[in-house]
Amino acid sequence: MPLWLQGALESAQAAVISALAVAVPIVAVWATAGFHNNGLDVLARLAGQAWLLIHGVPLLLDTAGAGSAAQPESGTLSLIPLGLALIPFLLAWRAGRQLARASYTDQLWQPLLGSWLAYAGFGLATGFVCRTSDVGIGLWSAAFIPLIPFGLGMVVGARREAGSWSRLIGVDAVAWLSKTSQHSRWAGSYLGSAIKAGWVALVASLAMSAALLAVDLFIHWNLIVAVYEGLDAGAMGGGVLTIVQLGFLPNLLVFALAWISGAGFDLGVGSVAGPLGTAVGPLPSIPVLAALPSGSLGFGFVALVVPALAGALAGWWFLREGENHFDEWLSIKIRARWFTAAASTLVLGAVIGSIAGLLAAGLAWLARGSAGIGRLTQIGPDPLRTALFVAAEVGIGVVIGYAAGPWLERQQKLREADLEAVNNSR
């Protein structure tokens, strides 16, 4: 079939599968009479609104207030469950691999364009059908915002199948770089390695944040179970509630990253949760929120060491990469080695720390949002504050890790030599 038509069919398949994945838990609650209005049209609109939400489309809520004047309240539901957003991303990743396998290098734009147009049409139709007097949906947002996770997934999948960007888009990066000057290649290698090191620092911070989050959930497991029992939602309702919380698990991971960095995060207007203390107002009866550390934490400041440890790992990794061309250039210009070594290490810490901070800010921006109405219109970490804290702590760790790197390398070589001597003696 024509490539544009194959792309459209792949996107239609991904849209239908992701819609069914969202609709199944909603249908399960509907089957147990969990909704006040059990009309099929209401069920279909709710499923469509949930499908748009996991793609990042904000929903404009307009409901009657619960106050004494009962005035209508309006707000925007923009808190995206990043775990559920992986569904369209992974489906697009698969579709991108399929289309890359079916296309030549100079033809890939045809199925990609066809798939994106079809997916935008699906989002536009969903937004048009599912908007109501209580839930407003911008049609332009419904058409184009879902293309962000879907298009990104397709590009990543196509790149994975092609094996390199040169095979994917027909541009030979090696040949292009060979035409640049030596200083440009050194600068590119330095910056590229610094970006990778910043990514190493961020991933290490997230890994340690995940471990601390798991420990926190384990410690407060009795409180979480108590909230489940208090809700008395039944087996089906409890299962759907658990699925929704798992959908927000990546958000909670970013919240944990902001918490250990000292930046903290918001759980409503005027509230803050951080390692030095937690001050929040009334929270909804969501089981996972029972694990939130409360009150003043005597040793909470110890958590600030985590990003620094991740930075030390990134500094050691950069040393092993061997691409510190700025240090080489500086040592040529200035003969005082004590100065050039210190200056280049400090600059390296600032560069890698800034990169890790920018990446953390992007995650914070994705994870934060508004629950729509009431106090919970401000949920999640502040991107700028998170970036500053993570950048400073990772930068300090990079300086320590890069400075201690030669000693660590020497100790590793000694261990390898001892192991080799033991093996030879046998």
Protein backbone atom coordinates (compact mmCIF):
# COMPACT_ATOMS: atom_id res chain seq x y z
CA MET A 1 0.00 0.00 0.00
CA PRO A 2 1.12 3.64 -0.30
CA LEU A 3 3.41 4.66 2.52
CA TRP A 4 1.20 7.57 3.62
CA LEU A 5 -1.74 5.15 3.94
CA GLN A 6 0.35 2.67 5.91
CA GLY A 7 1.34 5.49 8.27
CA ALA A 8 -2.31 6.48 8.70
CA LEU A 9 -3.29 2.88 9.49
CA GLU A 10 -0.49 2.53 12.03
CA SER A 11 -1.57 5.71 13.79
CA ALA A 12 -5.23 4.64 13.74
CA GLN A 13 -4.25 1.32 15.31
CA ALA A 14 -2.25 3.08 18.02
CA ALA A 15 -5.11 5.50 18.73
CA VAL A 16 -7.68 2.72 19.07
CA ILE A 17 -5.47 0.55 21.30
CA SER A 18 -4.61 3.47 23.61
CA ALA A 19 -8.27 4.47 23.78
CA LEU A 20 -9.26 0.92 24.74
CA ALA A 21 -6.53 0.81 27.40
CA VAL A 22 -7.98 3.96 28.96
CA ALA A 23 -11.59 2.88 28.56
CA VAL A 24 -11.25 -0.55 30.22
CA PRO A 25 -10.92 0.69 33.84
CA ILE A 26 -13.67 3.27 33.25
CA VAL A 27 -15.98 0.56 31.92
CA ALA A 28 -15.11 -1.60 34.94
CA VAL A 29 -16.25 1.14 37.32
CA TRP A 30 -19.35 1.76 35.18
CA ALA A 31 -20.23 -1.96 35.27
CA THR A 32 -20.29 -1.85 39.09
CA ALA A 33 -22.59 1.21 39.09
CA GLY A 34 -19.76 3.46 40.23
CA PHE A 35 -20.99 6.54 38.35
CA HIS A 36 -23.95 8.72 39.23
CA ASN A 37 -24.93 8.97 35.57
CA ASN A 38 -24.65 5.57 33.86
CA GLY A 39 -25.51 6.70 30.34
CA LEU A 40 -23.40 5.24 27.59
CA ASP A 41 -22.86 8.69 26.06
CA VAL A 42 -21.48 9.96 29.37
CA LEU A 43 -19.21 6.90 29.59
CA ALA A 44 -17.88 7.45 26.06
CA ARG A 45 -17.20 11.14 26.68
CA LEU A 46 -15.40 10.37 29.94
CA ALA A 47 -13.19 7.83 28.17
CA GLY A 48 -12.40 10.33 25.43
CA GLN A 49 -11.55 13.03 27.96
CA ALA A 50 -9.23 10.62 29.79
CA TRP A 51 -7.58 9.73 26.46
CA LEU A 52 -6.91 13.39 25.77
CA LEU A 53 -5.61 13.97 29.31
CA ILE A 54 -2.96 11.23 29.09
CA HIS A 55 -1.75 12.91 25.90
CA GLY A 56 -1.30 16.19 27.77
CA VAL A 57 -4.41 18.02 26.57
CA PRO A 58 -5.69 20.33 29.34
CA LEU A 59 -9.37 20.03 30.27
CA LEU A 60 -11.27 23.20 31.20
CA LEU A 61 -13.54 22.36 34.13
CA ASP A 62 -16.62 24.37 35.05
CA THR A 63 -18.66 23.08 38.00
CA ALA A 64 -20.93 24.42 40.71
CA GLY A 65 -18.99 25.44 43.81
CA ALA A 66 -19.50 23.81 47.16
CA GLY A 67 -19.29 27.08 49.11
CA SER A 68 -22.10 28.93 50.79
CA ALA A 69 -22.82 31.04 47.72
CA ALA A 70 -22.62 27.98 45.46
CA GLN A 71 -20.98 30.05 42.76
CA PRO A 72 -19.70 28.28 39.67
CA GLU A 73 -16.01 27.47 39.82
CA SER A 74 -13.72 26.95 36.89
CA GLY A 75 -10.22 25.64 36.51
CA THR A 76 -7.91 23.65 34.29
CA LEU A 77 -7.12 19.97 34.78
CA SER A 78 -3.57 19.70 33.51
CA LEU A 79 -1.92 17.12 35.80
CA ILE A 80 -0.77 14.46 33.35
CA PRO A 81 -0.35 10.85 34.53
CA LEU A 82 3.04 10.27 32.96
CA GLY A 83 2.82 6.52 33.47
CA LEU A 84 -0.32 6.32 31.33
CA ALA A 85 1.24 8.71 28.82
CA LEU A 86 3.75 5.93 28.11
CA ILE A 87 0.94 3.94 26.44
CA PRO A 88 0.68 6.12 23.29
CA PHE A 89 4.44 6.69 23.37
CA LEU A 90 5.23 2.97 23.27
CA LEU A 91 2.58 2.32 20.62
CA ALA A 92 4.09 5.10 18.52
CA TRP A 93 7.56 3.63 19.12
CA ARG A 94 6.35 0.34 17.65
CA ALA A 95 4.68 2.13 14.73
CA GLY A 96 7.86 4.10 14.02
CA ARG A 97 9.87 0.89 13.81
CA GLN A 98 7.33 -0.61 11.43
CA LEU A 99 7.35 2.43 9.16
CA ALA A 100 11.15 2.70 9.16
CA ARG A 101 11.34 -0.95 8.15
CA ALA A 102 8.95 -0.36 5.25
CA SER A 103 10.59 2.84 3.93
CA TYR A 104 13.77 3.91 2.26
CA THR A 105 15.73 6.78 3.78
CA ASP A 106 14.33 9.43 1.44
CA GLN A 107 10.75 8.08 1.79
CA LEU A 108 10.31 8.07 5.56
CA TRP A 109 8.67 11.49 5.59
CA GLN A 110 5.68 10.10 3.69
CA PRO A 111 4.44 7.57 6.29
CA LEU A 112 5.37 9.93 9.14
CA LEU A 113 3.33 12.74 7.63
CA GLY A 114 0.40 10.43 6.96
CA SER A 115 0.46 9.05 10.49
CA TRP A 116 0.67 12.47 12.12
CA LEU A 117 -2.21 13.85 10.06
CA ALA A 118 -4.37 10.84 10.94
CA TYR A 119 -3.53 11.09 14.64
CA ALA A 120 -4.26 14.81 14.65
CA GLY A 121 -7.61 14.08 13.03
CA PHE A 122 -8.37 11.47 15.69
CA GLY A 123 -7.54 13.95 18.46
CA LEU A 124 -9.61 16.68 16.82
CA ALA A 125 -12.62 14.39 16.48
CA THR A 126 -12.27 13.20 20.07
CA GLY A 127 -12.11 16.77 21.38
CA PHE A 128 -15.12 17.82 19.33
CA VAL A 129 -17.28 14.88 20.45
CA CYS A 130 -16.24 14.77 24.11
CA ARG A 131 -16.53 18.43 25.11
CA THR A 132 -19.51 19.27 27.30
CA SER A 133 -20.85 22.22 29.25
CA ASP A 134 -18.84 21.05 32.29
CA VAL A 135 -15.64 20.04 30.48
CA GLY A 136 -14.29 22.34 27.80
CA ILE A 137 -11.68 21.17 25.31
CA GLY A 138 -9.74 23.38 22.93
CA LEU A 139 -9.95 21.85 19.49
CA TRP A 140 -6.51 23.08 18.44
CA SER A 141 -5.07 21.59 21.62
CA ALA A 142 -6.87 18.30 21.02
CA ALA A 143 -5.48 18.14 17.49
CA PHE A 144 -1.84 19.07 18.02
CA ILE A 145 -0.82 18.33 21.63
CA PRO A 146 -1.30 14.53 21.25
CA LEU A 147 1.22 14.69 18.41
CA ILE A 148 3.97 15.53 20.92
CA PRO A 149 4.17 12.14 22.72
CA PHE A 150 3.05 10.28 19.61
CA GLY A 151 5.49 12.00 17.25
CA LEU A 152 8.35 11.65 19.73
CA GLY A 153 7.64 7.94 20.10
CA MET A 154 7.60 7.46 16.32
CA VAL A 155 10.90 9.27 15.83
CA VAL A 156 12.57 7.28 18.63
CA GLY A 157 11.20 4.01 17.22
CA ALA A 158 12.30 4.84 13.68
CA ARG A 159 15.76 5.79 14.96
CA ARG A 160 15.93 2.51 16.88
CA GLU A 161 15.10 0.52 13.76
CA ALA A 162 17.42 2.50 11.46
CA GLY A 163 20.33 2.17 13.88
CA SER A 164 21.70 5.66 13.20
CA TRP A 165 20.51 9.11 12.30
CA SER A 166 22.43 8.97 9.01
CA ARG A 167 20.41 5.96 7.86
CA LEU A 168 17.23 7.57 9.12
CA ILE A 169 17.50 11.01 7.49
CA GLY A 170 20.29 10.46 4.98
CA VAL A 171 22.83 12.79 6.61
CA ASP A 172 26.29 11.40 7.35
CA ALA A 173 27.29 13.11 10.59
CA VAL A 174 30.84 11.73 10.43
CA ALA A 175 31.44 13.23 7.00
CA TRP A 176 30.00 16.55 8.15
CA LEU A 177 32.18 16.64 11.24
CA SER A 178 35.29 15.82 9.24
CA LYS A 179 34.88 19.15 7.42
CA THR A 180 34.96 21.19 10.63
CA SER A 181 38.06 22.49 12.39
CA GLN A 182 39.90 20.58 15.09
CA HIS A 183 38.84 23.11 17.71
CA SER A 184 35.20 22.69 16.70
CA ARG A 185 35.48 18.91 16.98
CA TRP A 186 37.09 19.23 20.41
CA ALA A 187 34.38 21.62 21.57
CA GLY A 188 31.69 19.30 20.21
CA SER A 189 33.22 16.27 21.93
CA TYR A 190 33.53 18.18 25.20
CA LEU A 191 29.94 19.41 25.09
CA GLY A 192 28.60 16.03 23.96
CA SER A 193 30.35 14.22 26.79
CA ALA A 194 29.15 16.88 29.26
CA ILE A 195 25.56 16.32 28.12
CA LYS A 196 25.97 12.58 28.59
CA ALA A 197 27.46 13.16 32.04
CA GLY A 198 24.52 15.40 32.95
CA TRP A 199 22.21 12.62 31.85
CA VAL A 200 24.18 10.15 34.00
CA ALA A 201 23.76 12.47 36.99
CA LEU A 202 20.02 12.81 36.40
CA VAL A 203 19.46 9.07 35.96
CA ALA A 204 21.50 8.31 39.07
CA SER A 205 19.50 10.88 41.05
CA LEU A 206 16.24 9.38 39.81
CA ALA A 207 17.41 5.87 40.70
CA MET A 208 18.26 6.88 44.25
CA SER A 209 15.01 8.88 44.46
CA ALA A 210 13.11 5.75 43.42
CA ALA A 211 14.84 3.76 46.17
CA LEU A 212 13.94 6.36 48.78
CA LEU A 213 10.36 6.51 47.48
CA ALA A 214 10.06 2.72 47.77
CA VAL A 215 11.39 2.83 51.34
CA ASP A 216 8.93 5.60 52.22
CA LEU A 217 5.99 3.62 50.81
CA PHE A 218 7.10 0.55 52.73
CA ILE A 219 7.41 2.46 56.00
CA HIS A 220 3.97 4.06 55.64
CA TRP A 221 2.28 0.97 54.22
CA ASN A 222 -0.09 0.69 57.19
CA LEU A 223 -1.35 4.24 56.61
CA ILE A 224 -1.89 3.54 52.91
CA VAL A 225 -3.89 0.42 53.71
CA ALA A 226 -5.93 2.39 56.25
CA VAL A 227 -6.94 4.90 53.57
CA TYR A 228 -7.94 2.04 51.24
CA GLU A 229 -10.10 0.55 53.98
CA GLY A 230 -11.64 3.91 54.79
CA LEU A 231 -12.64 4.47 51.17
CA ASP A 232 -14.34 1.04 51.00
CA ALA A 233 -14.35 1.20 47.21
CA GLY A 234 -14.65 -2.55 46.74
CA ALA A 235 -12.40 -4.81 44.73
CA MET A 236 -13.13 -3.16 41.39
CA GLY A 237 -12.94 0.40 42.68
CA GLY A 238 -9.75 -0.33 44.63
CA GLY A 239 -8.17 -1.91 41.57
CA VAL A 240 -8.99 1.09 39.36
CA LEU A 241 -7.70 3.46 42.05
CA THR A 242 -4.45 1.49 42.15
CA ILE A 243 -4.11 1.70 38.35
CA VAL A 244 -4.60 5.47 38.47
CA GLN A 245 -1.95 5.80 41.19
CA LEU A 246 0.46 3.66 39.18
CA GLY A 247 -0.19 6.02 36.28
CA PHE A 248 1.07 8.87 38.44
CA LEU A 249 4.08 6.90 39.71
CA PRO A 250 6.55 8.70 37.36
CA ASN A 251 5.14 12.01 38.64
CA LEU A 252 5.80 10.87 42.20
CA LEU A 253 9.34 9.91 41.20
CA VAL A 254 9.98 13.46 39.96
CA PHE A 255 8.38 14.78 43.16
CA ALA A 256 10.87 12.63 45.10
CA LEU A 257 13.74 14.06 43.04
CA ALA A 258 12.63 17.59 43.89
CA TRP A 259 12.25 16.58 47.55
CA ILE A 260 15.77 15.16 47.92
CA SER A 261 17.26 18.16 46.13
CA GLY A 262 15.78 20.50 48.73
CA ALA A 263 13.56 22.33 46.24
CA GLY A 264 10.46 20.52 47.50
CA PHE A 265 7.10 20.41 45.78
CA ASP A 266 3.62 21.85 46.19
CA LEU A 267 0.48 19.96 47.12
CA GLY A 268 -1.91 22.85 46.79
CA VAL A 269 -1.73 26.60 46.96
CA GLY A 270 0.32 27.75 49.95
CA SER A 271 1.69 24.30 50.78
CA VAL A 272 5.16 22.86 50.54
CA ALA A 273 6.78 19.47 51.14
CA GLY A 274 10.55 19.28 51.48
CA PRO A 275 13.33 17.57 53.41
CA LEU A 276 13.37 20.27 56.10
CA GLY A 277 9.65 20.00 56.84
CA THR A 278 6.16 19.58 55.40
CA ALA A 279 3.30 22.05 55.67
CA VAL A 280 0.22 21.15 53.64
CA GLY A 281 -3.48 21.71 54.03
CA PRO A 282 -6.27 19.11 53.79
CA LEU A 283 -5.55 16.50 51.13
CA PRO A 284 -7.94 14.25 49.22
CA SER A 285 -8.31 10.64 50.35
CA ILE A 286 -5.76 9.21 47.95
CA PRO A 287 -3.88 6.27 49.56
CA VAL A 288 -0.42 7.14 48.27
CA LEU A 289 -0.59 10.61 49.84
CA ALA A 290 -0.62 8.95 53.27
CA ALA A 291 3.09 8.17 52.72
CA LEU A 292 3.97 11.87 52.65
CA PRO A 293 6.54 12.64 55.37
CA SER A 294 4.93 15.05 57.82
CA GLY A 295 6.14 17.56 60.34
CA SER A 296 9.72 18.64 60.94
CA LEU A 297 12.33 16.12 59.81
CA GLY A 298 15.41 16.16 62.02
CA PHE A 299 17.71 14.44 59.53
CA GLY A 300 15.94 15.43 56.33
CA PHE A 301 18.90 17.52 55.23
CA VAL A 302 20.83 14.27 54.68
CA ALA A 303 18.76 13.76 51.52
CA LEU A 304 20.59 16.70 49.95
CA VAL A 305 23.63 14.43 49.60
CA VAL A 306 21.87 12.28 46.99
CA PRO A 307 22.23 14.67 44.00
CA ALA A 308 25.82 15.33 45.06
CA LEU A 309 26.54 11.59 44.97
CA ALA A 310 24.98 11.41 41.52
CA GLY A 311 27.19 14.33 40.47
CA ALA A 312 30.28 12.55 41.78
CA LEU A 313 29.37 9.53 39.67
CA ALA A 314 28.93 11.79 36.63
CA GLY A 315 32.32 13.42 37.27
CA TRP A 316 34.02 10.05 37.47
CA TRP A 317 32.24 8.96 34.29
CA PHE A 318 33.45 12.09 32.49
CA LEU A 319 37.00 11.39 33.59
CA ARG A 320 36.80 7.88 32.15
CA GLU A 321 35.37 9.31 28.93
CA GLY A 322 38.59 11.29 28.46
CA GLU A 323 37.07 14.23 26.59
CA ASN A 324 38.11 17.15 28.83
CA HIS A 325 39.48 19.18 25.92
CA PHE A 326 38.86 22.43 27.75
CA ASP A 327 41.43 21.39 30.35
CA GLU A 328 43.88 20.53 27.57
CA TRP A 329 43.34 23.88 25.83
CA LEU A 330 43.63 25.80 29.09
CA SER A 331 46.86 24.00 30.07
CA ILE A 332 48.36 25.01 26.71
CA LYS A 333 47.46 28.66 27.20
CA ILE A 334 48.47 28.86 30.88
CA ARG A 335 51.49 26.99 32.25
CA ALA A 336 50.41 27.02 35.91
CA ARG A 337 49.00 23.51 36.22
CA TRP A 338 47.61 24.05 39.71
CA PHE A 339 45.45 26.85 38.33
CA THR A 340 44.34 25.21 35.08
CA ALA A 341 43.38 21.94 36.79
CA ALA A 342 41.27 23.74 39.40
CA ALA A 343 39.69 26.13 36.90
CA SER A 344 38.80 23.45 34.34
CA THR A 345 37.30 21.24 37.07
CA LEU A 346 35.16 24.09 38.39
CA VAL A 347 33.99 24.91 34.86
CA LEU A 348 33.21 21.25 34.29
CA GLY A 349 31.12 21.15 37.47
CA ALA A 350 29.21 24.24 36.36
CA VAL A 351 28.57 22.85 32.87
CA ILE A 352 27.44 19.36 33.91
CA GLY A 353 25.47 20.77 36.84
CA SER A 354 23.66 23.20 34.53
CA ILE A 355 22.82 20.42 32.11
CA ALA A 356 21.48 18.19 34.89
CA GLY A 357 19.50 21.14 36.25
CA LEU A 358 17.94 21.85 32.86
CA LEU A 359 16.97 18.19 32.45
CA ALA A 360 15.48 18.16 35.96
CA ALA A 361 13.55 21.35 35.16
CA GLY A 362 12.07 19.66 32.10
CA LEU A 363 10.94 16.69 34.18
CA ALA A 364 9.50 19.02 36.83
CA TRP A 365 7.57 20.91 34.16
CA LEU A 366 6.13 17.66 32.81
CA ALA A 367 5.24 16.27 36.24
CA ARG A 368 3.55 19.37 37.69
CA GLY A 369 0.07 20.58 36.91
CA SER A 370 -3.34 21.49 38.24
CA ALA A 371 -6.07 19.20 39.54
CA GLY A 372 -8.68 21.65 38.29
CA ILE A 373 -10.66 23.26 41.07
CA GLY A 374 -10.05 24.25 44.68
CA ARG A 375 -6.69 24.41 46.45
CA LEU A 376 -5.10 21.75 44.28
CA THR A 377 -4.49 24.03 41.35
CA GLN A 378 -0.77 23.99 42.07
CA ILE A 379 0.72 20.50 42.35
CA GLY A 380 4.30 19.46 41.82
CA PRO A 381 7.80 20.97 41.91
CA ASP A 382 8.67 24.39 40.61
CA PRO A 383 10.88 23.90 37.51
CA LEU A 384 13.16 26.89 38.13
CA ARG A 385 13.67 26.11 41.81
CA THR A 386 14.32 22.44 41.04
CA ALA A 387 16.82 23.36 38.32
CA LEU A 388 18.79 25.63 40.64
CA PHE A 389 18.97 23.14 43.50
CA VAL A 390 19.84 20.16 41.30
CA ALA A 391 22.42 22.15 39.31
CA ALA A 392 24.19 23.37 42.45
CA GLU A 393 24.32 19.98 44.17
CA VAL A 394 25.27 18.02 41.07
CA GLY A 395 27.94 20.60 40.23
CA ILE A 396 29.52 20.18 43.66
CA GLY A 397 29.44 16.41 43.25
CA VAL A 398 31.02 16.61 39.79
CA VAL A 399 33.97 18.58 41.17
CA ILE A 400 34.47 16.01 43.93
CA GLY A 401 34.03 13.00 41.63
CA TYR A 402 36.35 14.35 38.92
CA ALA A 403 39.00 15.28 41.46
CA ALA A 404 38.79 11.89 43.16
CA GLY A 405 38.61 10.06 39.84
CA PRO A 406 42.36 9.37 39.46
CA TRP A 407 42.48 7.84 42.94
CA LEU A 408 39.42 5.71 42.18
CA GLU A 409 40.97 4.59 38.90
CA ARG A 410 44.21 3.68 40.68
CA GLN A 411 42.35 1.66 43.30
CA GLN A 412 40.43 -0.16 40.59
CA LYS A 413 43.64 -1.04 38.75
CA LEU A 414 45.16 -2.33 41.99
CA ARG A 415 42.13 -4.55 42.57
CA GLU A 416 42.34 -5.86 39.01
CA ALA A 417 46.06 -6.55 39.44
CA ASP A 418 45.45 -8.41 42.69
CA LEU A 419 42.70 -10.47 41.07
CA GLU A 420 44.94 -11.30 38.12
CA ALA A 421 47.74 -12.34 40.49
CA VAL A 422 45.37 -14.66 42.36
CA ASN A 423 44.19 -16.23 39.12
CA ASN A 424 47.78 -16.74 37.93
CA SER A 425 48.75 -18.38 41.21
CA ARG A 426 46.03 -20.95 40.68
